[in-house]
Amino acid sequence: ADWKDRRLWVTVAPIVAITFPAAVQACLWWRYRLPVGATVSVLALLLGEWINRYMNFWGWTYFPVNFCFPSNLIPGAIVLNVVLMLGNSMTLMLLLAVWPLVFCSTQATGQSLLHCTFLLNTM
């Protein structure tokens, strides 16, 4: 299976991209008032992705490491942290950063539209 496997890419990537940064952001903000949760969790996810690809692609099969990984999560996480830091409110962060990132993301919208089209064509 390639990296755009329709079972993994459409289901796992959005869930990981939304829930882990949101959970870490909420915990770090609620306890310590640190507005870096989303960026820290996205960087940890990318580090895990690199370890996984290196160990599985290069370590086992000597296959060249694939450079296609979700680095487009980093700007969104930085926007979330900056809006939270400047606004000092989770509600303001939701309105100014999360809604535009979720609903105006052309890649996520395009992928979900392509997936729905694929599912409709296979029925």
PDB file of N, CA and C in Angstrom:
ATOM      1  N   ALA A   1       0.847  -1.185   0.000  1.00  0.00           N
ATOM      2  CA  ALA A   1       0.000   0.000   0.000  1.00  0.00           C
ATOM      3  C   ALA A   1       0.884   1.237   0.000  1.00  0.00           C
ATOM      4  N   ASP A   2       0.508   2.197  -0.783  1.00  0.00           N
ATOM      5  CA  ASP A   2       1.295   3.420  -0.800  1.00  0.00           C
ATOM      6  C   ASP A   2       0.807   4.364   0.294  1.00  0.00           C
ATOM      7  N   TRP A   3       1.424   5.530   0.394  1.00  0.00           N
ATOM      8  CA  TRP A   3       1.144   6.439   1.499  1.00  0.00           C
ATOM      9  C   TRP A   3      -0.219   7.103   1.376  1.00  0.00           C
ATOM     10  N   LYS A   4      -0.879   6.984   0.239  1.00  0.00           N
ATOM     11  CA  LYS A   4      -2.212   7.556   0.076  1.00  0.00           C
ATOM     12  C   LYS A   4      -3.274   6.466   0.135  1.00  0.00           C
ATOM     13  N   ASP A   5      -3.040   5.463   0.917  1.00  0.00           N
ATOM     14  CA  ASP A   5      -4.009   4.390   1.068  1.00  0.00           C
ATOM     15  C   ASP A   5      -5.331   4.974   1.547  1.00  0.00           C
ATOM     16  N   ARG A   6      -6.400   4.679   0.853  1.00  0.00           N
ATOM     17  CA  ARG A   6      -7.670   5.360   1.125  1.00  0.00           C
ATOM     18  C   ARG A   6      -8.250   5.008   2.487  1.00  0.00           C
ATOM     19  N   ARG A   7      -7.921   3.860   3.017  1.00  0.00           N
ATOM     20  CA  ARG A   7      -8.431   3.518   4.345  1.00  0.00           C
ATOM     21  C   ARG A   7      -7.705   4.291   5.431  1.00  0.00           C
ATOM     22  N   LEU A   8      -6.408   4.505   5.267  1.00  0.00           N
ATOM     23  CA  LEU A   8      -5.619   5.157   6.297  1.00  0.00           C
ATOM     24  C   LEU A   8      -5.614   6.675   6.143  1.00  0.00           C
ATOM     25  N   TRP A   9      -5.391   7.159   4.932  1.00  0.00           N
ATOM     26  CA  TRP A   9      -5.179   8.581   4.718  1.00  0.00           C
ATOM     27  C   TRP A   9      -6.427   9.403   5.022  1.00  0.00           C
ATOM     28  N   VAL A  10      -7.582   8.920   4.622  1.00  0.00           N
ATOM     29  CA  VAL A  10      -8.804   9.707   4.789  1.00  0.00           C
ATOM     30  C   VAL A  10      -9.339   9.613   6.210  1.00  0.00           C
ATOM     31  N   THR A  11      -9.113   8.516   6.894  1.00  0.00           N
ATOM     32  CA  THR A  11      -9.688   8.360   8.230  1.00  0.00           C
ATOM     33  C   THR A  11      -8.720   8.720   9.346  1.00  0.00           C
ATOM     34  N   VAL A  12      -7.509   8.228   9.295  1.00  0.00           N
ATOM     35  CA  VAL A  12      -6.592   8.404  10.419  1.00  0.00           C
ATOM     36  C   VAL A  12      -5.977   9.798  10.448  1.00  0.00           C
ATOM     37  N   ALA A  13      -5.569  10.324   9.310  1.00  0.00           N
ATOM     38  CA  ALA A  13      -4.875  11.614   9.289  1.00  0.00           C
ATOM     39  C   ALA A  13      -5.715  12.761   9.857  1.00  0.00           C
ATOM     40  N   PRO A  14      -6.983  12.941   9.469  1.00  0.00           N
ATOM     41  CA  PRO A  14      -7.756  14.038  10.077  1.00  0.00           C
ATOM     42  C   PRO A  14      -7.997  13.846  11.572  1.00  0.00           C
ATOM     43  N   ILE A  15      -8.200  12.609  11.994  1.00  0.00           N
ATOM     44  CA  ILE A  15      -8.437  12.362  13.420  1.00  0.00           C
ATOM     45  C   ILE A  15      -7.188  12.701  14.225  1.00  0.00           C
ATOM     46  N   VAL A  16      -6.041  12.270  13.751  1.00  0.00           N
ATOM     47  CA  VAL A  16      -4.790  12.561  14.444  1.00  0.00           C
ATOM     48  C   VAL A  16      -4.479  14.051  14.389  1.00  0.00           C
ATOM     49  N   ALA A  17      -4.780  14.694  13.264  1.00  0.00           N
ATOM     50  CA  ALA A  17      -4.463  16.109  13.091  1.00  0.00           C
ATOM     51  C   ALA A  17      -5.331  17.013  13.949  1.00  0.00           C
ATOM     52  N   ILE A  18      -6.485  16.536  14.384  1.00  0.00           N
ATOM     53  CA  ILE A  18      -7.386  17.382  15.170  1.00  0.00           C
ATOM     54  C   ILE A  18      -7.354  17.018  16.648  1.00  0.00           C
ATOM     55  N   THR A  19      -7.467  15.742  16.978  1.00  0.00           N
ATOM     56  CA  THR A  19      -7.656  15.373  18.384  1.00  0.00           C
ATOM     57  C   THR A  19      -6.394  15.511  19.228  1.00  0.00           C
ATOM     58  N   PHE A  20      -5.254  15.053  18.741  1.00  0.00           N
ATOM     59  CA  PHE A  20      -4.048  15.131  19.559  1.00  0.00           C
ATOM     60  C   PHE A  20      -3.614  16.573  19.826  1.00  0.00           C
ATOM     61  N   PRO A  21      -3.517  17.446  18.804  1.00  0.00           N
ATOM     62  CA  PRO A  21      -3.168  18.839  19.116  1.00  0.00           C
ATOM     63  C   PRO A  21      -4.194  19.520  20.020  1.00  0.00           C
ATOM     64  N   ALA A  22      -5.476  19.231  19.819  1.00  0.00           N
ATOM     65  CA  ALA A  22      -6.501  19.864  20.660  1.00  0.00           C
ATOM     66  C   ALA A  22      -6.393  19.403  22.107  1.00  0.00           C
ATOM     67  N   ALA A  23      -6.151  18.124  22.319  1.00  0.00           N
ATOM     68  CA  ALA A  23      -6.050  17.609  23.687  1.00  0.00           C
ATOM     69  C   ALA A  23      -4.820  18.160  24.403  1.00  0.00           C
ATOM     70  N   VAL A  24      -3.686  18.161  23.728  1.00  0.00           N
ATOM     71  CA  VAL A  24      -2.466  18.675  24.356  1.00  0.00           C
ATOM     72  C   VAL A  24      -2.583  20.169  24.593  1.00  0.00           C
ATOM     73  N   GLN A  25      -3.164  20.891  23.624  1.00  0.00           N
ATOM     74  CA  GLN A  25      -3.358  22.331  23.776  1.00  0.00           C
ATOM     75  C   GLN A  25      -4.250  22.635  24.972  1.00  0.00           C
ATOM     76  N   ALA A  26      -5.350  21.905  25.106  1.00  0.00           N
ATOM     77  CA  ALA A  26      -6.279  22.150  26.214  1.00  0.00           C
ATOM     78  C   ALA A  26      -5.623  21.847  27.560  1.00  0.00           C
ATOM     79  N   CYS A  27      -4.885  20.741  27.645  1.00  0.00           N
ATOM     80  CA  CYS A  27      -4.239  20.387  28.918  1.00  0.00           C
ATOM     81  C   CYS A  27      -3.160  21.392  29.307  1.00  0.00           C
ATOM     82  N   LEU A  28      -2.311  21.758  28.364  1.00  0.00           N
ATOM     83  CA  LEU A  28      -1.246  22.706  28.695  1.00  0.00           C
ATOM     84  C   LEU A  28      -1.793  24.095  28.996  1.00  0.00           C
ATOM     85  N   TRP A  29      -2.879  24.482  28.333  1.00  0.00           N
ATOM     86  CA  TRP A  29      -3.456  25.805  28.598  1.00  0.00           C
ATOM     87  C   TRP A  29      -4.195  25.807  29.930  1.00  0.00           C
ATOM     88  N   TRP A  30      -4.942  24.768  30.215  1.00  0.00           N
ATOM     89  CA  TRP A  30      -5.735  24.736  31.441  1.00  0.00           C
ATOM     90  C   TRP A  30      -4.845  24.665  32.679  1.00  0.00           C
ATOM     91  N   ARG A  31      -3.798  23.859  32.615  1.00  0.00           N
ATOM     92  CA  ARG A  31      -2.940  23.682  33.785  1.00  0.00           C
ATOM     93  C   ARG A  31      -1.874  24.764  33.933  1.00  0.00           C
ATOM     94  N   TYR A  32      -1.159  25.060  32.847  1.00  0.00           N
ATOM     95  CA  TYR A  32       0.042  25.886  32.949  1.00  0.00           C
ATOM     96  C   TYR A  32      -0.022  27.193  32.169  1.00  0.00           C
ATOM     97  N   ARG A  33      -1.091  27.422  31.427  1.00  0.00           N
ATOM     98  CA  ARG A  33      -1.238  28.613  30.576  1.00  0.00           C
ATOM     99  C   ARG A  33      -0.099  28.725  29.564  1.00  0.00           C
ATOM    100  N   LEU A  34       0.283  27.582  29.002  1.00  0.00           N
ATOM    101  CA  LEU A  34       1.304  27.553  27.953  1.00  0.00           C
ATOM    102  C   LEU A  34       0.619  27.402  26.602  1.00  0.00           C
ATOM    103  N   PRO A  35       0.784  28.363  25.700  1.00  0.00           N
ATOM    104  CA  PRO A  35       0.110  28.273  24.401  1.00  0.00           C
ATOM    105  C   PRO A  35       0.943  27.563  23.341  1.00  0.00           C
ATOM    106  N   VAL A  36       1.576  26.463  23.678  1.00  0.00           N
ATOM    107  CA  VAL A  36       2.425  25.762  22.716  1.00  0.00           C
ATOM    108  C   VAL A  36       1.999  24.321  22.508  1.00  0.00           C
ATOM    109  N   GLY A  37       0.850  23.945  23.007  1.00  0.00           N
ATOM    110  CA  GLY A  37       0.433  22.549  22.977  1.00  0.00           C
ATOM    111  C   GLY A  37       0.268  21.977  21.591  1.00  0.00           C
ATOM    112  N   ALA A  38      -0.374  22.717  20.697  1.00  0.00           N
ATOM    113  CA  ALA A  38      -0.619  22.197  19.351  1.00  0.00           C
ATOM    114  C   ALA A  38       0.690  21.990  18.597  1.00  0.00           C
ATOM    115  N   THR A  39       1.590  22.946  18.687  1.00  0.00           N
ATOM    116  CA  THR A  39       2.858  22.821  17.973  1.00  0.00           C
ATOM    117  C   THR A  39       3.702  21.680  18.541  1.00  0.00           C
ATOM    118  N   VAL A  40       3.733  21.547  19.845  1.00  0.00           N
ATOM    119  CA  VAL A  40       4.503  20.463  20.464  1.00  0.00           C
ATOM    120  C   VAL A  40       3.953  19.105  20.036  1.00  0.00           C
ATOM    121  N   SER A  41       2.634  18.961  20.048  1.00  0.00           N
ATOM    122  CA  SER A  41       2.061  17.660  19.682  1.00  0.00           C
ATOM    123  C   SER A  41       2.251  17.357  18.202  1.00  0.00           C
ATOM    124  N   VAL A  42       2.141  18.369  17.336  1.00  0.00           N
ATOM    125  CA  VAL A  42       2.356  18.134  15.904  1.00  0.00           C
ATOM    126  C   VAL A  42       3.815  17.768  15.641  1.00  0.00           C
ATOM    127  N   LEU A  43       4.744  18.445  16.302  1.00  0.00           N
ATOM    128  CA  LEU A  43       6.154  18.088  16.123  1.00  0.00           C
ATOM    129  C   LEU A  43       6.449  16.694  16.661  1.00  0.00           C
ATOM    130  N   ALA A  44       5.794  16.309  17.751  1.00  0.00           N
ATOM    131  CA  ALA A  44       5.970  14.948  18.264  1.00  0.00           C
ATOM    132  C   ALA A  44       5.394  13.920  17.293  1.00  0.00           C
ATOM    133  N   LEU A  45       4.243  14.238  16.695  1.00  0.00           N
ATOM    134  CA  LEU A  45       3.673  13.332  15.696  1.00  0.00           C
ATOM    135  C   LEU A  45       4.591  13.196  14.483  1.00  0.00           C
ATOM    136  N   LEU A  46       5.190  14.309  14.047  1.00  0.00           N
ATOM    137  CA  LEU A  46       6.099  14.243  12.904  1.00  0.00           C
ATOM    138  C   LEU A  46       7.381  13.485  13.255  1.00  0.00           C
ATOM    139  N   LEU A  47       7.866  13.640  14.480  1.00  0.00           N
ATOM    140  CA  LEU A  47       9.034  12.875  14.903  1.00  0.00           C
ATOM    141  C   LEU A  47       8.718  11.381  14.910  1.00  0.00           C
ATOM    142  N   GLY A  48       7.553  11.027  15.430  1.00  0.00           N
ATOM    143  CA  GLY A  48       7.135   9.628  15.395  1.00  0.00           C
ATOM    144  C   GLY A  48       6.978   9.109  13.983  1.00  0.00           C
ATOM    145  N   GLU A  49       6.492   9.968  13.103  1.00  0.00           N
ATOM    146  CA  GLU A  49       6.351   9.590  11.694  1.00  0.00           C
ATOM    147  C   GLU A  49       7.714   9.307  11.071  1.00  0.00           C
ATOM    148  N   TRP A  50       8.705  10.156  11.362  1.00  0.00           N
ATOM    149  CA  TRP A  50      10.042   9.945  10.819  1.00  0.00           C
ATOM    150  C   TRP A  50      10.685   8.684  11.379  1.00  0.00           C
ATOM    151  N   ILE A  51      10.510   8.445  12.678  1.00  0.00           N
ATOM    152  CA  ILE A  51      11.060   7.221  13.273  1.00  0.00           C
ATOM    153  C   ILE A  51      10.417   5.997  12.637  1.00  0.00           C
ATOM    154  N   ASN A  52       9.103   6.046  12.471  1.00  0.00           N
ATOM    155  CA  ASN A  52       8.379   4.938  11.856  1.00  0.00           C
ATOM    156  C   ASN A  52       8.865   4.690  10.434  1.00  0.00           C
ATOM    157  N   ARG A  53       8.998   5.754   9.660  1.00  0.00           N
ATOM    158  CA  ARG A  53       9.421   5.572   8.267  1.00  0.00           C
ATOM    159  C   ARG A  53      10.862   5.098   8.174  1.00  0.00           C
ATOM    160  N   TYR A  54      11.713   5.623   9.017  1.00  0.00           N
ATOM    161  CA  TYR A  54      13.108   5.192   8.959  1.00  0.00           C
ATOM    162  C   TYR A  54      13.239   3.724   9.348  1.00  0.00           C
ATOM    163  N   MET A  55      12.595   3.352  10.449  1.00  0.00           N
ATOM    164  CA  MET A  55      12.720   1.970  10.915  1.00  0.00           C
ATOM    165  C   MET A  55      12.057   0.990   9.951  1.00  0.00           C
ATOM    166  N   ASN A  56      10.902   1.325   9.434  1.00  0.00           N
ATOM    167  CA  ASN A  56      10.177   0.380   8.586  1.00  0.00           C
ATOM    168  C   ASN A  56      10.657   0.382   7.138  1.00  0.00           C
ATOM    169  N   PHE A  57      10.908   1.575   6.577  1.00  0.00           N
ATOM    170  CA  PHE A  57      11.335   1.606   5.181  1.00  0.00           C
ATOM    171  C   PHE A  57      12.813   1.265   5.048  1.00  0.00           C
ATOM    172  N   TRP A  58      13.659   1.980   5.775  1.00  0.00           N
ATOM    173  CA  TRP A  58      15.087   1.808   5.596  1.00  0.00           C
ATOM    174  C   TRP A  58      15.630   0.676   6.464  1.00  0.00           C
ATOM    175  N   GLY A  59      15.167   0.573   7.683  1.00  0.00           N
ATOM    176  CA  GLY A  59      15.705  -0.419   8.607  1.00  0.00           C
ATOM    177  C   GLY A  59      15.389  -1.848   8.220  1.00  0.00           C
ATOM    178  N   TRP A  60      14.225  -2.101   7.675  1.00  0.00           N
ATOM    179  CA  TRP A  60      13.837  -3.467   7.344  1.00  0.00           C
ATOM    180  C   TRP A  60      14.085  -3.819   5.886  1.00  0.00           C
ATOM    181  N   THR A  61      13.771  -2.908   4.977  1.00  0.00           N
ATOM    182  CA  THR A  61      13.794  -3.268   3.556  1.00  0.00           C
ATOM    183  C   THR A  61      14.806  -2.488   2.734  1.00  0.00           C
ATOM    184  N   TYR A  62      15.494  -1.537   3.344  1.00  0.00           N
ATOM    185  CA  TYR A  62      16.425  -0.649   2.633  1.00  0.00           C
ATOM    186  C   TYR A  62      15.750   0.091   1.490  1.00  0.00           C
ATOM    187  N   PHE A  63      14.473   0.366   1.676  1.00  0.00           N
ATOM    188  CA  PHE A  63      13.715   1.157   0.709  1.00  0.00           C
ATOM    189  C   PHE A  63      13.980   2.630   1.004  1.00  0.00           C
ATOM    190  N   PRO A  64      14.137   3.491  -0.015  1.00  0.00           N
ATOM    191  CA  PRO A  64      14.408   4.915   0.256  1.00  0.00           C
ATOM    192  C   PRO A  64      13.298   5.547   1.103  1.00  0.00           C
ATOM    193  N   VAL A  65      13.699   6.379   2.042  1.00  0.00           N
ATOM    194  CA  VAL A  65      12.730   7.007   2.943  1.00  0.00           C
ATOM    195  C   VAL A  65      11.841   7.949   2.144  1.00  0.00           C
ATOM    196  N   ASN A  66      10.558   7.814   2.351  1.00  0.00           N
ATOM    197  CA  ASN A  66       9.577   8.631   1.651  1.00  0.00           C
ATOM    198  C   ASN A  66       9.536  10.024   2.276  1.00  0.00           C
ATOM    199  N   PHE A  67       9.609  11.058   1.442  1.00  0.00           N
ATOM    200  CA  PHE A  67       9.596  12.421   1.960  1.00  0.00           C
ATOM    201  C   PHE A  67       8.204  13.029   2.004  1.00  0.00           C
ATOM    202  N   CYS A  68       7.202  12.250   1.743  1.00  0.00           N
ATOM    203  CA  CYS A  68       5.827  12.755   1.799  1.00  0.00           C
ATOM    204  C   CYS A  68       5.282  12.520   3.195  1.00  0.00           C
ATOM    205  N   PHE A  69       5.264  13.559   4.002  1.00  0.00           N
ATOM    206  CA  PHE A  69       4.697  13.440   5.341  1.00  0.00           C
ATOM    207  C   PHE A  69       3.920  14.716   5.633  1.00  0.00           C
ATOM    208  N   PRO A  70       3.009  14.680   6.588  1.00  0.00           N
ATOM    209  CA  PRO A  70       2.080  15.802   6.773  1.00  0.00           C
ATOM    210  C   PRO A  70       2.707  17.022   7.435  1.00  0.00           C
ATOM    211  N   SER A  71       3.621  17.668   6.748  1.00  0.00           N
ATOM    212  CA  SER A  71       4.239  18.870   7.305  1.00  0.00           C
ATOM    213  C   SER A  71       3.307  20.066   7.243  1.00  0.00           C
ATOM    214  N   ASN A  72       2.202  19.951   6.515  1.00  0.00           N
ATOM    215  CA  ASN A  72       1.261  21.069   6.462  1.00  0.00           C
ATOM    216  C   ASN A  72       0.485  21.223   7.762  1.00  0.00           C
ATOM    217  N   LEU A  73       0.685  20.348   8.735  1.00  0.00           N
ATOM    218  CA  LEU A  73       0.057  20.509  10.046  1.00  0.00           C
ATOM    219  C   LEU A  73       0.774  21.564  10.883  1.00  0.00           C
ATOM    220  N   ILE A  74       2.049  21.797  10.635  1.00  0.00           N
ATOM    221  CA  ILE A  74       2.827  22.717  11.462  1.00  0.00           C
ATOM    222  C   ILE A  74       2.313  24.156  11.368  1.00  0.00           C
ATOM    223  N   PRO A  75       2.054  24.730  10.180  1.00  0.00           N
ATOM    224  CA  PRO A  75       1.524  26.104  10.154  1.00  0.00           C
ATOM    225  C   PRO A  75       0.185  26.247  10.871  1.00  0.00           C
ATOM    226  N   GLY A  76      -0.684  25.262  10.743  1.00  0.00           N
ATOM    227  CA  GLY A  76      -1.964  25.331  11.441  1.00  0.00           C
ATOM    228  C   GLY A  76      -1.793  25.316  12.949  1.00  0.00           C
ATOM    229  N   ALA A  77      -0.868  24.497  13.442  1.00  0.00           N
ATOM    230  CA  ALA A  77      -0.611  24.450  14.881  1.00  0.00           C
ATOM    231  C   ALA A  77      -0.019  25.762  15.378  1.00  0.00           C
ATOM    232  N   ILE A  78       0.855  26.365  14.585  1.00  0.00           N
ATOM    233  CA  ILE A  78       1.430  27.655  14.979  1.00  0.00           C
ATOM    234  C   ILE A  78       0.349  28.724  15.022  1.00  0.00           C
ATOM    235  N   VAL A  79      -0.570  28.719  14.050  1.00  0.00           N
ATOM    236  CA  VAL A  79      -1.678  29.682  14.060  1.00  0.00           C
ATOM    237  C   VAL A  79      -2.536  29.491  15.306  1.00  0.00           C
ATOM    238  N   LEU A  80      -2.843  28.247  15.654  1.00  0.00           N
ATOM    239  CA  LEU A  80      -3.626  27.988  16.870  1.00  0.00           C
ATOM    240  C   LEU A  80      -2.928  28.547  18.103  1.00  0.00           C
ATOM    241  N   ASN A  81      -1.639  28.315  18.220  1.00  0.00           N
ATOM    242  CA  ASN A  81      -0.913  28.782  19.399  1.00  0.00           C
ATOM    243  C   ASN A  81      -0.811  30.296  19.450  1.00  0.00           C
ATOM    244  N   VAL A  82      -0.593  30.940  18.312  1.00  0.00           N
ATOM    245  CA  VAL A  82      -0.475  32.402  18.292  1.00  0.00           C
ATOM    246  C   VAL A  82      -1.804  33.056  18.643  1.00  0.00           C
ATOM    247  N   VAL A  83      -2.899  32.547  18.092  1.00  0.00           N
ATOM    248  CA  VAL A  83      -4.210  33.124  18.412  1.00  0.00           C
ATOM    249  C   VAL A  83      -4.533  32.922  19.885  1.00  0.00           C
ATOM    250  N   LEU A  84      -4.198  31.771  20.439  1.00  0.00           N
ATOM    251  CA  LEU A  84      -4.439  31.537  21.862  1.00  0.00           C
ATOM    252  C   LEU A  84      -3.567  32.445  22.718  1.00  0.00           C
ATOM    253  N   MET A  85      -2.326  32.641  22.317  1.00  0.00           N
ATOM    254  CA  MET A  85      -1.427  33.480  23.095  1.00  0.00           C
ATOM    255  C   MET A  85      -1.870  34.943  23.068  1.00  0.00           C
ATOM    256  N   LEU A  86      -2.268  35.440  21.897  1.00  0.00           N
ATOM    257  CA  LEU A  86      -2.663  36.841  21.793  1.00  0.00           C
ATOM    258  C   LEU A  86      -4.053  37.097  22.359  1.00  0.00           C
ATOM    259  N   GLY A  87      -4.975  36.160  22.151  1.00  0.00           N
ATOM    260  CA  GLY A  87      -6.341  36.379  22.602  1.00  0.00           C
ATOM    261  C   GLY A  87      -6.591  35.962  24.034  1.00  0.00           C
ATOM    262  N   ASN A  88      -5.774  35.047  24.556  1.00  0.00           N
ATOM    263  CA  ASN A  88      -5.891  34.565  25.930  1.00  0.00           C
ATOM    264  C   ASN A  88      -7.253  33.940  26.213  1.00  0.00           C
ATOM    265  N   SER A  89      -7.875  33.356  25.193  1.00  0.00           N
ATOM    266  CA  SER A  89      -9.199  32.767  25.358  1.00  0.00           C
ATOM    267  C   SER A  89      -9.346  31.577  24.422  1.00  0.00           C
ATOM    268  N   MET A  90      -9.836  30.460  24.973  1.00  0.00           N
ATOM    269  CA  MET A  90     -10.077  29.279  24.139  1.00  0.00           C
ATOM    270  C   MET A  90     -11.233  29.520  23.173  1.00  0.00           C
ATOM    271  N   THR A  91     -12.236  30.278  23.591  1.00  0.00           N
ATOM    272  CA  THR A  91     -13.373  30.570  22.718  1.00  0.00           C
ATOM    273  C   THR A  91     -12.932  31.412  21.528  1.00  0.00           C
ATOM    274  N   LEU A  92     -12.098  32.410  21.775  1.00  0.00           N
ATOM    275  CA  LEU A  92     -11.581  33.235  20.684  1.00  0.00           C
ATOM    276  C   LEU A  92     -10.719  32.398  19.744  1.00  0.00           C
ATOM    277  N   MET A  93      -9.939  31.476  20.301  1.00  0.00           N
ATOM    278  CA  MET A  93      -9.130  30.598  19.459  1.00  0.00           C
ATOM    279  C   MET A  93     -10.022  29.737  18.573  1.00  0.00           C
ATOM    280  N   LEU A  94     -11.120  29.241  19.137  1.00  0.00           N
ATOM    281  CA  LEU A  94     -12.045  28.427  18.358  1.00  0.00           C
ATOM    282  C   LEU A  94     -12.617  29.220  17.198  1.00  0.00           C
ATOM    283  N   LEU A  95     -13.041  30.445  17.458  1.00  0.00           N
ATOM    284  CA  LEU A  95     -13.683  31.245  16.417  1.00  0.00           C
ATOM    285  C   LEU A  95     -12.703  31.752  15.368  1.00  0.00           C
ATOM    286  N   LEU A  96     -11.515  32.165  15.787  1.00  0.00           N
ATOM    287  CA  LEU A  96     -10.575  32.791  14.852  1.00  0.00           C
ATOM    288  C   LEU A  96      -9.617  31.825  14.172  1.00  0.00           C
ATOM    289  N   ALA A  97      -9.297  30.723  14.812  1.00  0.00           N
ATOM    290  CA  ALA A  97      -8.270  29.846  14.250  1.00  0.00           C
ATOM    291  C   ALA A  97      -8.794  28.492  13.826  1.00  0.00           C
ATOM    292  N   VAL A  98      -9.578  27.856  14.660  1.00  0.00           N
ATOM    293  CA  VAL A  98      -9.972  26.478  14.369  1.00  0.00           C
ATOM    294  C   VAL A  98     -10.984  26.405  13.245  1.00  0.00           C
ATOM    295  N   TRP A  99     -12.027  27.210  13.303  1.00  0.00           N
ATOM    296  CA  TRP A  99     -13.067  27.129  12.271  1.00  0.00           C
ATOM    297  C   TRP A  99     -12.517  27.423  10.875  1.00  0.00           C
ATOM    298  N   PRO A 100     -11.737  28.489  10.672  1.00  0.00           N
ATOM    299  CA  PRO A 100     -11.183  28.679   9.318  1.00  0.00           C
ATOM    300  C   PRO A 100     -10.239  27.566   8.893  1.00  0.00           C
ATOM    301  N   LEU A 101      -9.437  27.032   9.827  1.00  0.00           N
ATOM    302  CA  LEU A 101      -8.513  25.963   9.451  1.00  0.00           C
ATOM    303  C   LEU A 101      -9.247  24.686   9.083  1.00  0.00           C
ATOM    304  N   VAL A 102     -10.329  24.396   9.793  1.00  0.00           N
ATOM    305  CA  VAL A 102     -11.064  23.159   9.528  1.00  0.00           C
ATOM    306  C   VAL A 102     -11.905  23.278   8.271  1.00  0.00           C
ATOM    307  N   PHE A 103     -12.630  24.380   8.134  1.00  0.00           N
ATOM    308  CA  PHE A 103     -13.596  24.469   7.049  1.00  0.00           C
ATOM    309  C   PHE A 103     -13.057  25.110   5.777  1.00  0.00           C
ATOM    310  N   CYS A 104     -11.930  25.769   5.840  1.00  0.00           N
ATOM    311  CA  CYS A 104     -11.388  26.408   4.644  1.00  0.00           C
ATOM    312  C   CYS A 104     -10.132  25.727   4.132  1.00  0.00           C
ATOM    313  N   SER A 105      -9.790  24.606   4.684  1.00  0.00           N
ATOM    314  CA  SER A 105      -8.612  23.878   4.232  1.00  0.00           C
ATOM    315  C   SER A 105      -8.918  23.223   2.891  1.00  0.00           C
ATOM    316  N   THR A 106      -8.266  23.679   1.857  1.00  0.00           N
ATOM    317  CA  THR A 106      -8.550  23.151   0.523  1.00  0.00           C
ATOM    318  C   THR A 106      -8.115  21.705   0.395  1.00  0.00           C
ATOM    319  N   GLN A 107      -7.033  21.337   1.065  1.00  0.00           N
ATOM    320  CA  GLN A 107      -6.575  19.960   0.953  1.00  0.00           C
ATOM    321  C   GLN A 107      -7.557  19.010   1.625  1.00  0.00           C
ATOM    322  N   ALA A 108      -7.996  19.360   2.841  1.00  0.00           N
ATOM    323  CA  ALA A 108      -8.944  18.482   3.539  1.00  0.00           C
ATOM    324  C   ALA A 108     -10.269  18.412   2.792  1.00  0.00           C
ATOM    325  N   THR A 109     -10.736  19.558   2.294  1.00  0.00           N
ATOM    326  CA  THR A 109     -11.992  19.571   1.550  1.00  0.00           C
ATOM    327  C   THR A 109     -11.855  18.773   0.265  1.00  0.00           C
ATOM    328  N   GLY A 110     -10.752  18.974  -0.439  1.00  0.00           N
ATOM    329  CA  GLY A 110     -10.541  18.238  -1.680  1.00  0.00           C
ATOM    330  C   GLY A 110     -10.413  16.748  -1.453  1.00  0.00           C
ATOM    331  N   GLN A 111      -9.722  16.355  -0.395  1.00  0.00           N
ATOM    332  CA  GLN A 111      -9.568  14.929  -0.112  1.00  0.00           C
ATOM    333  C   GLN A 111     -10.893  14.294   0.252  1.00  0.00           C
ATOM    334  N   SER A 112     -11.695  14.983   1.072  1.00  0.00           N
ATOM    335  CA  SER A 112     -12.976  14.391   1.452  1.00  0.00           C
ATOM    336  C   SER A 112     -13.921  14.338   0.260  1.00  0.00           C
ATOM    337  N   LEU A 113     -13.866  15.349  -0.622  1.00  0.00           N
ATOM    338  CA  LEU A 113     -14.703  15.301  -1.825  1.00  0.00           C
ATOM    339  C   LEU A 113     -14.269  14.169  -2.748  1.00  0.00           C
ATOM    340  N   LEU A 114     -12.957  13.994  -2.909  1.00  0.00           N
ATOM    341  CA  LEU A 114     -12.472  12.893  -3.741  1.00  0.00           C
ATOM    342  C   LEU A 114     -12.851  11.543  -3.148  1.00  0.00           C
ATOM    343  N   HIS A 115     -12.763  11.428  -1.837  1.00  0.00           N
ATOM    344  CA  HIS A 115     -13.121  10.175  -1.183  1.00  0.00           C
ATOM    345  C   HIS A 115     -14.608   9.882  -1.365  1.00  0.00           C
ATOM    346  N   CYS A 116     -15.461  10.896  -1.181  1.00  0.00           N
ATOM    347  CA  CYS A 116     -16.906  10.694  -1.367  1.00  0.00           C
ATOM    348  C   CYS A 116     -17.220  10.321  -2.810  1.00  0.00           C
ATOM    349  N   THR A 117     -16.544  10.981  -3.756  1.00  0.00           N
ATOM    350  CA  THR A 117     -16.753  10.658  -5.163  1.00  0.00           C
ATOM    351  C   THR A 117     -16.328   9.222  -5.448  1.00  0.00           C
ATOM    352  N   PHE A 118     -15.192   8.814  -4.878  1.00  0.00           N
ATOM    353  CA  PHE A 118     -14.720   7.446  -5.067  1.00  0.00           C
ATOM    354  C   PHE A 118     -15.712   6.444  -4.496  1.00  0.00           C
ATOM    355  N   LEU A 119     -16.218   6.723  -3.304  1.00  0.00           N
ATOM    356  CA  LEU A 119     -17.174   5.804  -2.689  1.00  0.00           C
ATOM    357  C   LEU A 119     -18.459   5.712  -3.495  1.00  0.00           C
ATOM    358  N   LEU A 120     -18.921   6.846  -4.019  1.00  0.00           N
ATOM    359  CA  LEU A 120     -20.149   6.828  -4.818  1.00  0.00           C
ATOM    360  C   LEU A 120     -19.947   6.074  -6.128  1.00  0.00           C
ATOM    361  N   ASN A 121     -18.753   6.182  -6.708  1.00  0.00           N
ATOM    362  CA  ASN A 121     -18.487   5.498  -7.974  1.00  0.00           C
ATOM    363  C   ASN A 121     -18.304   3.997  -7.801  1.00  0.00           C
ATOM    364  N   THR A 122     -17.922   3.556  -6.614  1.00  0.00           N
ATOM    365  CA  THR A 122     -17.713   2.124  -6.418  1.00  0.00           C
ATOM    366  C   THR A 122     -18.981   1.388  -6.007  1.00  0.00           C
ATOM    367  N   MET A 123     -20.027   2.102  -5.689  1.00  0.00           N
ATOM    368  CA  MET A 123     -21.281   1.444  -5.274  1.00  0.00           C
ATOM    369  C   MET A 123     -22.086   0.975  -6.454  1.00  0.00           C
TER     370      MET A 123
END
